[in-house]
Amino acid sequence: MPVAPPAALRRFVLALALLAPAVALAHEGASLPYGSFLGGLLHPVLGPDHFLAMVSVGILSAQIGGRAIWTVPATFVGVMFLGGVYGWLGLPLASIEVGIAFSVLTLGAAIAAERRVPVAIAMLFVGTFAIFHGYAHGAEMPDVANPVTYALGFVSGTAGLHLAGVVIGDISQHYASGKVILRAAGGVIAAFGVYFLLAATGVV
């Protein structure tokens, strides 16, 4: 069997050494290009249905005011984390996309209506929706992700979106025009919710 010349062999080994990391990076990059934490962080931010629901929770809590500003978002985050574990374990839950779409629709409608509801009702309301959002985060976790780090990421992303919603809602409460704009925005969010619901049920 002929033996490759040393120079050719060295070039061949060098080519493999350079190629292997690129292949590995491309494989992982297709599913989790920026690491587990950032992957989890971006999941609620880049999904329009998740994004609108999370911001809406913050806005709604600011509209209610008082302790709802922190108890309502905290309820969502806590229950969502449990839903994420449920989804990660692969346990069954029906109509996930419908539940997420309905959350956007209902939260948008609640913002548009601008009706103060009891804090306990609001917590129950958002907690129910949080199960579906959390399940989606956990079930869609890439295989290469570290579960703990990924979970910390999507919890942080969700909390950040809640905070943004609280700030938007709180600022809007100080101006008459701000309240009108906020209610109009709630109507737009609800319209997106209708679209998401139609898409989830296969109508569009």
C-alpha atoms as a PDB file:
ATOM      1  CA  MET A   1       0.000   0.000   0.000  1.00  0.00           C
ATOM      2  CA  PRO A   2       1.547   3.339  -0.973  1.00  0.00           C
ATOM      3  CA  VAL A   3       2.412   5.720   1.844  1.00  0.00           C
ATOM      4  CA  ALA A   4       1.432   9.349   1.507  1.00  0.00           C
ATOM      5  CA  PRO A   5       4.339  11.731   1.411  1.00  0.00           C
ATOM      6  CA  PRO A   6       4.893  13.512   4.739  1.00  0.00           C
ATOM      7  CA  ALA A   7       4.040  16.941   3.320  1.00  0.00           C
ATOM      8  CA  ALA A   8       0.766  15.719   1.804  1.00  0.00           C
ATOM      9  CA  LEU A   9      -0.100  13.878   5.013  1.00  0.00           C
ATOM     10  CA  ARG A  10       0.500  16.996   7.070  1.00  0.00           C
ATOM     11  CA  ARG A  11      -1.729  19.033   4.768  1.00  0.00           C
ATOM     12  CA  PHE A  12      -4.454  16.387   5.007  1.00  0.00           C
ATOM     13  CA  VAL A  13      -4.361  16.290   8.826  1.00  0.00           C
ATOM     14  CA  LEU A  14      -4.310  20.089   8.993  1.00  0.00           C
ATOM     15  CA  ALA A  15      -7.348  20.274   6.711  1.00  0.00           C
ATOM     16  CA  LEU A  16      -9.245  17.850   8.962  1.00  0.00           C
ATOM     17  CA  ALA A  17      -8.242  19.811  12.051  1.00  0.00           C
ATOM     18  CA  LEU A  18      -9.536  23.032  10.522  1.00  0.00           C
ATOM     19  CA  LEU A  19     -12.691  21.460   9.163  1.00  0.00           C
ATOM     20  CA  ALA A  20     -13.838  19.591  12.287  1.00  0.00           C
ATOM     21  CA  PRO A  21     -14.543  22.654  14.463  1.00  0.00           C
ATOM     22  CA  ALA A  22     -16.382  24.296  11.588  1.00  0.00           C
ATOM     23  CA  VAL A  23     -18.618  21.249  11.169  1.00  0.00           C
ATOM     24  CA  ALA A  24     -19.273  21.079  14.903  1.00  0.00           C
ATOM     25  CA  LEU A  25     -20.064  24.777  15.038  1.00  0.00           C
ATOM     26  CA  ALA A  26     -22.409  24.537  12.077  1.00  0.00           C
ATOM     27  CA  HIS A  27     -24.229  21.598  13.672  1.00  0.00           C
ATOM     28  CA  GLU A  28     -24.737  23.347  16.998  1.00  0.00           C
ATOM     29  CA  GLY A  29     -25.277  26.700  15.338  1.00  0.00           C
ATOM     30  CA  ALA A  30     -28.314  25.356  13.522  1.00  0.00           C
ATOM     31  CA  SER A  31     -30.078  24.799  16.832  1.00  0.00           C
ATOM     32  CA  LEU A  32     -28.393  26.946  19.507  1.00  0.00           C
ATOM     33  CA  PRO A  33     -25.860  29.388  18.028  1.00  0.00           C
ATOM     34  CA  TYR A  34     -25.360  31.623  21.070  1.00  0.00           C
ATOM     35  CA  GLY A  35     -25.394  29.227  23.999  1.00  0.00           C
ATOM     36  CA  SER A  36     -28.097  27.945  26.322  1.00  0.00           C
ATOM     37  CA  PHE A  37     -28.785  31.128  28.301  1.00  0.00           C
ATOM     38  CA  LEU A  38     -29.078  33.427  25.301  1.00  0.00           C
ATOM     39  CA  GLY A  39     -31.057  30.796  23.427  1.00  0.00           C
ATOM     40  CA  GLY A  40     -33.592  30.720  26.251  1.00  0.00           C
ATOM     41  CA  LEU A  41     -33.519  34.498  26.596  1.00  0.00           C
ATOM     42  CA  LEU A  42     -34.353  35.027  22.933  1.00  0.00           C
ATOM     43  CA  HIS A  43     -37.141  32.459  22.749  1.00  0.00           C
ATOM     44  CA  PRO A  44     -39.877  34.674  24.279  1.00  0.00           C
ATOM     45  CA  VAL A  45     -38.399  37.822  22.707  1.00  0.00           C
ATOM     46  CA  LEU A  46     -38.297  36.639  19.093  1.00  0.00           C
ATOM     47  CA  GLY A  47     -41.645  34.836  19.074  1.00  0.00           C
ATOM     48  CA  PRO A  48     -44.318  37.475  18.281  1.00  0.00           C
ATOM     49  CA  ASP A  49     -47.055  35.624  20.181  1.00  0.00           C
ATOM     50  CA  HIS A  50     -44.883  35.214  23.286  1.00  0.00           C
ATOM     51  CA  PHE A  51     -43.587  38.777  22.985  1.00  0.00           C
ATOM     52  CA  LEU A  52     -47.046  40.366  22.815  1.00  0.00           C
ATOM     53  CA  ALA A  53     -48.395  38.260  25.672  1.00  0.00           C
ATOM     54  CA  MET A  54     -45.454  39.010  27.989  1.00  0.00           C
ATOM     55  CA  VAL A  55     -45.553  42.756  27.387  1.00  0.00           C
ATOM     56  CA  SER A  56     -49.339  42.719  27.777  1.00  0.00           C
ATOM     57  CA  VAL A  57     -49.071  41.108  31.207  1.00  0.00           C
ATOM     58  CA  GLY A  58     -46.877  44.010  32.322  1.00  0.00           C
ATOM     59  CA  ILE A  59     -49.223  46.613  30.833  1.00  0.00           C
ATOM     60  CA  LEU A  60     -52.281  45.007  32.404  1.00  0.00           C
ATOM     61  CA  SER A  61     -50.641  44.876  35.829  1.00  0.00           C
ATOM     62  CA  ALA A  62     -49.791  48.599  35.555  1.00  0.00           C
ATOM     63  CA  GLN A  63     -53.394  49.377  34.594  1.00  0.00           C
ATOM     64  CA  ILE A  64     -54.654  47.536  37.684  1.00  0.00           C
ATOM     65  CA  GLY A  65     -52.045  49.227  39.859  1.00  0.00           C
ATOM     66  CA  GLY A  66     -51.094  48.635  43.467  1.00  0.00           C
ATOM     67  CA  ARG A  67     -49.538  45.309  44.344  1.00  0.00           C
ATOM     68  CA  ALA A  68     -50.698  43.893  41.001  1.00  0.00           C
ATOM     69  CA  ILE A  69     -47.665  45.592  39.442  1.00  0.00           C
ATOM     70  CA  TRP A  70     -45.435  42.876  40.886  1.00  0.00           C
ATOM     71  CA  THR A  71     -47.784  40.036  41.895  1.00  0.00           C
ATOM     72  CA  VAL A  72     -49.328  39.543  38.452  1.00  0.00           C
ATOM     73  CA  PRO A  73     -46.018  39.335  36.523  1.00  0.00           C
ATOM     74  CA  ALA A  74     -44.470  37.235  39.319  1.00  0.00           C
ATOM     75  CA  THR A  75     -47.361  34.784  39.061  1.00  0.00           C
ATOM     76  CA  PHE A  76     -46.849  34.499  35.323  1.00  0.00           C
ATOM     77  CA  VAL A  77     -43.107  33.877  35.669  1.00  0.00           C
ATOM     78  CA  GLY A  78     -43.522  31.305  38.443  1.00  0.00           C
ATOM     79  CA  VAL A  79     -46.243  29.296  36.728  1.00  0.00           C
ATOM     80  CA  MET A  80     -44.486  29.591  33.377  1.00  0.00           C
ATOM     81  CA  PHE A  81     -41.370  28.015  34.888  1.00  0.00           C
ATOM     82  CA  LEU A  82     -43.435  25.055  36.102  1.00  0.00           C
ATOM     83  CA  GLY A  83     -45.011  24.800  32.652  1.00  0.00           C
ATOM     84  CA  GLY A  84     -41.519  24.822  31.155  1.00  0.00           C
ATOM     85  CA  VAL A  85     -40.488  21.860  33.314  1.00  0.00           C
ATOM     86  CA  TYR A  86     -43.686  20.084  32.291  1.00  0.00           C
ATOM     87  CA  GLY A  87     -42.913  20.644  28.611  1.00  0.00           C
ATOM     88  CA  TRP A  88     -39.259  19.653  29.002  1.00  0.00           C
ATOM     89  CA  LEU A  89     -40.342  16.349  30.534  1.00  0.00           C
ATOM     90  CA  GLY A  90     -42.510  15.741  27.472  1.00  0.00           C
ATOM     91  CA  LEU A  91     -45.728  15.322  29.450  1.00  0.00           C
ATOM     92  CA  PRO A  92     -48.924  15.791  27.448  1.00  0.00           C
ATOM     93  CA  LEU A  93     -50.766  19.100  27.173  1.00  0.00           C
ATOM     94  CA  ALA A  94     -53.392  19.739  24.533  1.00  0.00           C
ATOM     95  CA  SER A  95     -53.949  22.834  22.386  1.00  0.00           C
ATOM     96  CA  ILE A  96     -50.723  24.653  23.283  1.00  0.00           C
ATOM     97  CA  GLU A  97     -50.773  27.032  20.308  1.00  0.00           C
ATOM     98  CA  VAL A  98     -54.482  27.716  20.797  1.00  0.00           C
ATOM     99  CA  GLY A  99     -53.863  28.545  24.456  1.00  0.00           C
ATOM    100  CA  ILE A 100     -51.017  30.909  23.571  1.00  0.00           C
ATOM    101  CA  ALA A 101     -53.066  32.610  20.851  1.00  0.00           C
ATOM    102  CA  PHE A 102     -56.046  32.962  23.173  1.00  0.00           C
ATOM    103  CA  SER A 103     -53.794  34.559  25.799  1.00  0.00           C
ATOM    104  CA  VAL A 104     -52.738  37.273  23.337  1.00  0.00           C
ATOM    105  CA  LEU A 105     -56.348  37.864  22.322  1.00  0.00           C
ATOM    106  CA  THR A 106     -57.664  38.032  25.883  1.00  0.00           C
ATOM    107  CA  LEU A 107     -54.837  40.131  27.293  1.00  0.00           C
ATOM    108  CA  GLY A 108     -55.162  42.604  24.432  1.00  0.00           C
ATOM    109  CA  ALA A 109     -58.911  42.831  24.969  1.00  0.00           C
ATOM    110  CA  ALA A 110     -58.395  43.401  28.704  1.00  0.00           C
ATOM    111  CA  ILE A 111     -55.980  46.266  28.003  1.00  0.00           C
ATOM    112  CA  ALA A 112     -58.411  47.796  25.506  1.00  0.00           C
ATOM    113  CA  ALA A 113     -61.278  47.551  28.003  1.00  0.00           C
ATOM    114  CA  GLU A 114     -59.196  49.157  30.798  1.00  0.00           C
ATOM    115  CA  ARG A 115     -61.325  47.642  33.517  1.00  0.00           C
ATOM    116  CA  ARG A 116     -59.838  47.181  36.963  1.00  0.00           C
ATOM    117  CA  VAL A 117     -60.204  43.578  38.033  1.00  0.00           C
ATOM    118  CA  PRO A 118     -59.401  42.061  41.439  1.00  0.00           C
ATOM    119  CA  VAL A 119     -55.729  41.161  41.759  1.00  0.00           C
ATOM    120  CA  ALA A 120     -56.525  37.538  42.589  1.00  0.00           C
ATOM    121  CA  ILE A 121     -58.583  37.189  39.402  1.00  0.00           C
ATOM    122  CA  ALA A 122     -55.801  38.741  37.344  1.00  0.00           C
ATOM    123  CA  MET A 123     -53.267  36.357  38.896  1.00  0.00           C
ATOM    124  CA  LEU A 124     -55.471  33.354  38.106  1.00  0.00           C
ATOM    125  CA  PHE A 125     -56.038  34.728  34.619  1.00  0.00           C
ATOM    126  CA  VAL A 126     -52.359  35.144  33.712  1.00  0.00           C
ATOM    127  CA  GLY A 127     -51.299  32.016  35.593  1.00  0.00           C
ATOM    128  CA  THR A 128     -53.523  29.891  33.389  1.00  0.00           C
ATOM    129  CA  PHE A 129     -51.989  31.354  30.238  1.00  0.00           C
ATOM    130  CA  ALA A 130     -48.485  30.999  31.658  1.00  0.00           C
ATOM    131  CA  ILE A 131     -48.830  27.210  31.613  1.00  0.00           C
ATOM    132  CA  PHE A 132     -49.101  27.200  27.817  1.00  0.00           C
ATOM    133  CA  HIS A 133     -46.256  29.650  27.292  1.00  0.00           C
ATOM    134  CA  GLY A 134     -43.990  27.775  29.682  1.00  0.00           C
ATOM    135  CA  TYR A 135     -44.816  24.434  28.109  1.00  0.00           C
ATOM    136  CA  ALA A 136     -43.871  25.788  24.684  1.00  0.00           C
ATOM    137  CA  HIS A 137     -40.536  27.074  26.011  1.00  0.00           C
ATOM    138  CA  GLY A 138     -39.697  23.742  27.639  1.00  0.00           C
ATOM    139  CA  ALA A 139     -40.908  21.530  24.805  1.00  0.00           C
ATOM    140  CA  GLU A 140     -38.997  23.548  22.184  1.00  0.00           C
ATOM    141  CA  MET A 141     -35.731  23.513  24.114  1.00  0.00           C
ATOM    142  CA  PRO A 142     -32.935  22.411  21.731  1.00  0.00           C
ATOM    143  CA  ASP A 143     -31.285  19.069  22.508  1.00  0.00           C
ATOM    144  CA  VAL A 144     -27.890  20.739  22.893  1.00  0.00           C
ATOM    145  CA  ALA A 145     -29.146  23.193  25.517  1.00  0.00           C
ATOM    146  CA  ASN A 146     -28.365  22.986  29.207  1.00  0.00           C
ATOM    147  CA  PRO A 147     -31.878  22.817  30.756  1.00  0.00           C
ATOM    148  CA  VAL A 148     -31.079  24.926  33.823  1.00  0.00           C
ATOM    149  CA  THR A 149     -29.264  27.644  31.883  1.00  0.00           C
ATOM    150  CA  TYR A 150     -31.898  27.678  29.149  1.00  0.00           C
ATOM    151  CA  ALA A 151     -34.666  27.977  31.760  1.00  0.00           C
ATOM    152  CA  LEU A 152     -32.867  30.874  33.428  1.00  0.00           C
ATOM    153  CA  GLY A 153     -32.687  32.484  30.006  1.00  0.00           C
ATOM    154  CA  PHE A 154     -36.375  32.299  29.151  1.00  0.00           C
ATOM    155  CA  VAL A 155     -37.357  33.312  32.690  1.00  0.00           C
ATOM    156  CA  SER A 156     -35.066  36.366  32.415  1.00  0.00           C
ATOM    157  CA  GLY A 157     -36.414  37.219  28.954  1.00  0.00           C
ATOM    158  CA  THR A 158     -39.976  36.968  30.207  1.00  0.00           C
ATOM    159  CA  ALA A 159     -39.279  39.106  33.279  1.00  0.00           C
ATOM    160  CA  GLY A 160     -37.639  41.725  31.077  1.00  0.00           C
ATOM    161  CA  LEU A 161     -40.668  41.883  28.787  1.00  0.00           C
ATOM    162  CA  HIS A 162     -42.970  42.157  31.808  1.00  0.00           C
ATOM    163  CA  LEU A 163     -40.877  45.038  33.109  1.00  0.00           C
ATOM    164  CA  ALA A 164     -41.054  46.782  29.732  1.00  0.00           C
ATOM    165  CA  GLY A 165     -44.838  46.396  29.783  1.00  0.00           C
ATOM    166  CA  VAL A 166     -45.074  47.783  33.320  1.00  0.00           C
ATOM    167  CA  VAL A 167     -43.033  50.836  32.332  1.00  0.00           C
ATOM    168  CA  ILE A 168     -45.160  51.426  29.230  1.00  0.00           C
ATOM    169  CA  GLY A 169     -48.372  50.979  31.190  1.00  0.00           C
ATOM    170  CA  ASP A 170     -47.268  53.138  34.111  1.00  0.00           C
ATOM    171  CA  ILE A 171     -46.119  56.027  31.920  1.00  0.00           C
ATOM    172  CA  SER A 172     -49.354  55.887  29.925  1.00  0.00           C
ATOM    173  CA  GLN A 173     -51.461  56.186  33.075  1.00  0.00           C
ATOM    174  CA  HIS A 174     -50.142  59.718  33.665  1.00  0.00           C
ATOM    175  CA  TYR A 175     -51.451  61.131  30.388  1.00  0.00           C
ATOM    176  CA  ALA A 176     -54.968  61.140  28.992  1.00  0.00           C
ATOM    177  CA  SER A 177     -53.661  60.660  25.467  1.00  0.00           C
ATOM    178  CA  GLY A 178     -51.423  57.874  26.738  1.00  0.00           C
ATOM    179  CA  LYS A 179     -54.416  55.968  28.065  1.00  0.00           C
ATOM    180  CA  VAL A 180     -56.190  56.303  24.729  1.00  0.00           C
ATOM    181  CA  ILE A 181     -53.131  55.116  22.820  1.00  0.00           C
ATOM    182  CA  LEU A 182     -52.706  52.226  25.239  1.00  0.00           C
ATOM    183  CA  ARG A 183     -56.311  51.122  24.780  1.00  0.00           C
ATOM    184  CA  ALA A 184     -55.893  51.333  21.016  1.00  0.00           C
ATOM    185  CA  ALA A 185     -52.727  49.254  21.302  1.00  0.00           C
ATOM    186  CA  GLY A 186     -54.708  46.708  23.293  1.00  0.00           C
ATOM    187  CA  GLY A 187     -57.129  46.461  20.406  1.00  0.00           C
ATOM    188  CA  VAL A 188     -54.258  45.878  17.983  1.00  0.00           C
ATOM    189  CA  ILE A 189     -52.810  43.187  20.261  1.00  0.00           C
ATOM    190  CA  ALA A 190     -56.218  41.520  20.431  1.00  0.00           C
ATOM    191  CA  ALA A 191     -56.405  41.587  16.624  1.00  0.00           C
ATOM    192  CA  PHE A 192     -53.045  39.809  16.470  1.00  0.00           C
ATOM    193  CA  GLY A 193     -54.467  37.319  18.936  1.00  0.00           C
ATOM    194  CA  VAL A 194     -57.351  36.627  16.577  1.00  0.00           C
ATOM    195  CA  TYR A 195     -54.886  36.022  13.761  1.00  0.00           C
ATOM    196  CA  PHE A 196     -52.757  33.696  15.912  1.00  0.00           C
ATOM    197  CA  LEU A 197     -55.895  31.825  16.929  1.00  0.00           C
ATOM    198  CA  LEU A 198     -57.021  31.390  13.320  1.00  0.00           C
ATOM    199  CA  ALA A 199     -53.512  30.204  12.403  1.00  0.00           C
ATOM    200  CA  ALA A 200     -53.416  27.777  15.337  1.00  0.00           C
ATOM    201  CA  THR A 201     -56.747  26.255  14.308  1.00  0.00           C
ATOM    202  CA  GLY A 202     -55.712  25.992  10.657  1.00  0.00           C
ATOM    203  CA  VAL A 203     -58.154  28.566   9.325  1.00  0.00           C
ATOM    204  CA  VAL A 204     -55.391  30.732   7.831  1.00  0.00           C
END
